[in-house]
């Protein structure tokens, strides 16, 4: 009986909570403004531009190019190949963010990783959203093992893959659990506690009857 109740509640949550168009993200976050190019023959999406700022829950820091560099900000590089079904293909799919958080420091790799997935649900709303893993670099401890790279404000919106070239805003962020996952976990945990309490209440009566 109790198991059936748990399954019913979880199913209700899955059906009633709204679906997210893209993966939810949180801080820290790196903001960049690259130009994005799509090559329809190879399926290659490339982006290069300025990595402007690094934001945490407590501060916003400018990203400098590094001593001896002439660009005003750090550098954002991105390269991935996708097939006609919008699936990441091949092995040479990666991103990197180069720069420094102090104007007196030399340029270094702040963040880099391997791109593994394009979020098709986000693409339908005019956003190119990718998941990257194997995160390394000077800021990797702040971001963890996985990041989400979101391209928004594309000039062509959902027609980007036919328009070839577009400026964009990019946010490189840490993914956070979606509300449905949090709700299901919390409800399951709560029902588990209720089940434990119920068994403890029944235990004395079971001993008495024996």
Protein backbone atom coordinates (compact mmCIF):
# COMPACT_ATOMS: atom_id res chain seq x y z
CA UNK A 1 0.00 0.00 0.00
CA UNK A 2 2.70 2.46 1.01
CA UNK A 3 4.81 1.60 -2.07
CA UNK A 4 1.83 2.24 -4.34
CA UNK A 5 1.31 5.64 -2.69
CA UNK A 6 4.95 6.59 -3.33
CA UNK A 7 4.73 5.67 -7.01
CA UNK A 8 1.45 7.60 -7.37
CA UNK A 9 2.94 10.79 -5.88
CA UNK A 10 6.08 10.61 -8.06
CA UNK A 11 3.98 10.07 -11.19
CA UNK A 12 1.80 13.05 -10.26
CA UNK A 13 4.84 15.29 -9.91
CA UNK A 14 6.22 14.22 -13.28
CA UNK A 15 2.93 15.05 -14.98
CA UNK A 16 2.08 18.28 -13.17
CA UNK A 17 5.37 20.20 -13.03
CA UNK A 18 6.26 22.23 -16.16
CA UNK A 19 9.01 20.96 -18.45
CA UNK A 20 12.10 23.12 -18.92
CA UNK A 21 13.09 24.18 -22.46
CA UNK A 22 16.75 24.07 -21.50
CA UNK A 23 18.92 22.90 -18.66
CA UNK A 24 18.76 25.12 -15.58
CA UNK A 25 22.04 26.79 -14.74
CA UNK A 26 23.48 28.74 -11.84
CA UNK A 27 26.60 30.50 -10.65
CA UNK A 28 29.48 30.69 -11.28
CA UNK A 29 29.10 32.00 -14.81
CA UNK A 30 31.41 33.28 -17.54
CA UNK A 31 29.91 35.72 -20.06
CA UNK A 32 31.30 35.99 -23.59
CA UNK A 33 30.31 37.69 -26.86
CA UNK A 34 31.62 35.67 -29.81
CA UNK A 35 30.69 35.49 -33.47
CA UNK A 36 29.34 32.07 -34.39
CA UNK A 37 29.80 30.37 -37.76
CA UNK A 38 28.10 27.25 -39.14
CA UNK A 39 29.49 25.19 -42.02
CA UNK A 40 26.64 23.13 -43.47
CA UNK A 41 28.98 20.86 -45.43
CA UNK A 42 30.85 19.59 -42.37
CA UNK A 43 28.26 20.33 -39.69
CA UNK A 44 30.92 22.36 -37.87
CA UNK A 45 29.89 25.15 -35.49
CA UNK A 46 32.74 27.44 -34.47
CA UNK A 47 32.79 30.53 -32.28
CA UNK A 48 35.49 32.94 -31.26
CA UNK A 49 35.22 36.23 -29.41
CA UNK A 50 35.65 38.07 -26.15
CA UNK A 51 35.36 36.44 -22.73
CA UNK A 52 34.26 39.45 -20.71
CA UNK A 53 33.47 38.59 -17.11
CA UNK A 54 33.46 35.91 -14.43
CA UNK A 55 30.54 36.08 -12.01
CA UNK A 56 30.07 34.33 -8.67
CA UNK A 57 27.48 34.71 -5.94
CA UNK A 58 29.66 37.34 -4.24
CA UNK A 59 31.39 39.29 -7.01
CA UNK A 60 31.83 40.04 -10.70
CA UNK A 61 35.38 40.07 -12.06
CA UNK A 62 36.56 41.33 -15.43
CA UNK A 63 38.49 38.87 -17.57
CA UNK A 64 41.71 40.49 -18.83
CA UNK A 65 43.59 39.35 -21.91
CA UNK A 66 46.83 38.74 -20.03
CA UNK A 67 50.06 40.73 -20.01
CA UNK A 68 51.45 41.55 -23.43
CA UNK A 69 48.14 40.88 -25.23
CA UNK A 70 46.43 43.58 -27.28
CA UNK A 71 42.82 42.41 -27.06
CA UNK A 72 40.64 44.19 -24.47
CA UNK A 73 39.28 40.99 -22.88
CA UNK A 74 39.96 37.28 -22.58
CA UNK A 75 39.29 34.90 -25.48
CA UNK A 76 36.43 32.43 -25.92
CA UNK A 77 37.00 29.56 -28.38
CA UNK A 78 34.42 26.92 -29.31
CA UNK A 79 34.27 24.13 -31.88
CA UNK A 80 31.77 21.29 -32.33
CA UNK A 81 30.41 19.16 -35.19
CA UNK A 82 26.72 18.18 -35.27
CA UNK A 83 24.89 15.88 -37.68
CA UNK A 84 21.51 16.37 -39.36
CA UNK A 85 19.78 15.10 -36.21
CA UNK A 86 21.60 17.70 -34.10
CA UNK A 87 23.74 15.07 -32.42
CA UNK A 88 27.36 15.86 -31.56
CA UNK A 89 29.63 13.81 -33.80
CA UNK A 90 33.36 13.10 -33.97
CA UNK A 91 35.97 13.57 -31.27
CA UNK A 92 37.39 17.05 -31.88
CA UNK A 93 34.68 18.99 -30.02
CA UNK A 94 35.93 21.38 -27.38
CA UNK A 95 35.90 24.87 -25.91
CA UNK A 96 38.40 27.02 -24.05
CA UNK A 97 38.46 30.36 -22.26
CA UNK A 98 41.81 32.11 -22.09
CA UNK A 99 42.69 35.17 -20.03
CA UNK A 100 43.52 36.39 -16.55
CA UNK A 101 41.54 37.71 -13.59
CA UNK A 102 44.23 40.27 -12.80
CA UNK A 103 45.63 42.75 -15.32
CA UNK A 104 49.18 41.98 -14.17
CA UNK A 105 48.91 38.22 -14.79
CA UNK A 106 49.93 36.30 -17.90
CA UNK A 107 47.30 34.72 -20.10
CA UNK A 108 46.30 31.21 -19.00
CA UNK A 109 43.52 28.70 -19.63
CA UNK A 110 40.73 29.63 -17.25
CA UNK A 111 38.34 26.91 -18.40
CA UNK A 112 38.26 24.21 -21.07
CA UNK A 113 36.42 20.99 -21.75
CA UNK A 114 34.96 18.48 -24.19
CA UNK A 115 31.54 19.15 -25.75
CA UNK A 116 29.31 16.10 -25.66
CA UNK A 117 25.70 17.12 -26.30
CA UNK A 118 23.42 19.66 -27.99
CA UNK A 119 20.16 20.26 -26.12
CA UNK A 120 17.47 19.99 -28.82
CA UNK A 121 14.72 21.26 -26.50
CA UNK A 122 16.58 24.52 -25.97
CA UNK A 123 17.29 24.81 -29.71
CA UNK A 124 13.56 24.88 -30.43
CA UNK A 125 13.35 28.13 -28.43
CA UNK A 126 16.18 29.78 -30.39
CA UNK A 127 19.03 28.91 -28.01
CA UNK A 128 22.07 26.79 -28.81
CA UNK A 129 22.82 24.95 -25.59
CA UNK A 130 25.64 22.44 -25.17
CA UNK A 131 26.90 20.25 -22.35
CA UNK A 132 30.66 19.97 -21.82
CA UNK A 133 32.58 17.59 -19.54
CA UNK A 134 36.21 16.88 -18.57
CA UNK A 135 36.51 20.45 -17.31
CA UNK A 136 40.03 21.75 -16.64
CA UNK A 137 41.71 25.15 -16.18
CA UNK A 138 42.30 27.69 -13.47
CA UNK A 139 38.59 28.06 -12.67
CA UNK A 140 37.66 24.37 -12.94
CA UNK A 141 37.30 23.93 -9.18
CA UNK A 142 34.58 26.59 -9.17
CA UNK A 143 32.61 24.97 -12.00
CA UNK A 144 32.96 21.27 -11.25
CA UNK A 145 33.00 18.38 -13.73
CA UNK A 146 30.24 19.59 -16.10
CA UNK A 147 29.26 22.97 -17.59
CA UNK A 148 26.45 24.22 -19.81
CA UNK A 149 27.36 26.54 -22.71
CA UNK A 150 24.37 28.59 -23.87
CA UNK A 151 24.35 30.73 -27.03
CA UNK A 152 21.49 33.26 -26.96
CA UNK A 153 20.45 36.38 -28.89
CA UNK A 154 21.45 34.74 -32.17
CA UNK A 155 20.53 37.10 -34.99
CA UNK A 156 18.76 34.31 -36.89
CA UNK A 157 17.13 32.59 -33.90
CA UNK A 158 16.06 29.04 -34.72
CA UNK A 159 17.12 29.61 -38.35
CA UNK A 160 20.75 29.89 -37.30
CA UNK A 161 21.70 26.59 -38.94
CA UNK A 162 20.59 28.00 -42.30
CA UNK A 163 21.87 31.56 -41.84
CA UNK A 164 25.51 30.51 -41.38
CA UNK A 165 26.88 33.41 -39.31
CA UNK A 166 25.70 35.34 -36.28
CA UNK A 167 26.85 37.31 -33.23
CA UNK A 168 25.73 35.83 -29.92
CA UNK A 169 25.78 36.15 -26.17
CA UNK A 170 27.28 33.15 -24.40
CA UNK A 171 26.99 32.01 -20.80
CA UNK A 172 29.19 29.20 -19.51
CA UNK A 173 27.56 28.05 -16.28
CA UNK A 174 27.28 25.22 -13.82
CA UNK A 175 24.12 23.09 -14.19
CA UNK A 176 21.75 22.86 -11.24
CA UNK A 177 18.98 20.31 -10.53
CA UNK A 178 15.62 21.07 -12.17
CA UNK A 179 12.63 21.77 -9.88
CA UNK A 180 11.02 18.44 -10.76
CA UNK A 181 14.13 16.55 -9.62
CA UNK A 182 14.25 18.48 -6.36
CA UNK A 183 10.53 17.97 -5.76
CA UNK A 184 10.64 14.23 -6.44
CA UNK A 185 13.71 13.75 -4.23
CA UNK A 186 12.13 15.76 -1.42
CA UNK A 187 8.80 13.95 -1.65
CA UNK A 188 10.43 10.52 -1.81
CA UNK A 189 12.61 11.37 1.20
CA UNK A 190 9.58 12.62 3.11
CA UNK A 191 7.53 9.53 2.31
CA UNK A 192 10.47 7.38 3.39
CA UNK A 193 10.50 9.10 6.79
CA UNK A 194 6.74 8.65 7.05
CA UNK A 195 7.12 4.93 6.31
CA UNK A 196 9.77 4.56 9.01
CA UNK A 197 7.58 6.36 11.53
CA UNK A 198 4.58 4.18 10.58
CA UNK A 199 6.58 0.98 11.07
CA UNK A 200 7.70 2.16 14.51
CA UNK A 201 4.10 2.83 15.51
CA UNK A 202 3.04 -0.63 14.40
CA UNK A 203 5.94 -2.41 16.13
CA UNK A 204 4.50 -2.32 19.74
CA UNK A 205 1.15 -3.74 18.65
CA UNK A 206 2.91 -6.51 16.75
CA UNK A 207 4.88 -7.47 19.89
CA UNK A 208 1.71 -7.38 22.02
CA UNK A 209 -0.22 -9.67 19.69
CA UNK A 210 2.61 -12.22 19.72
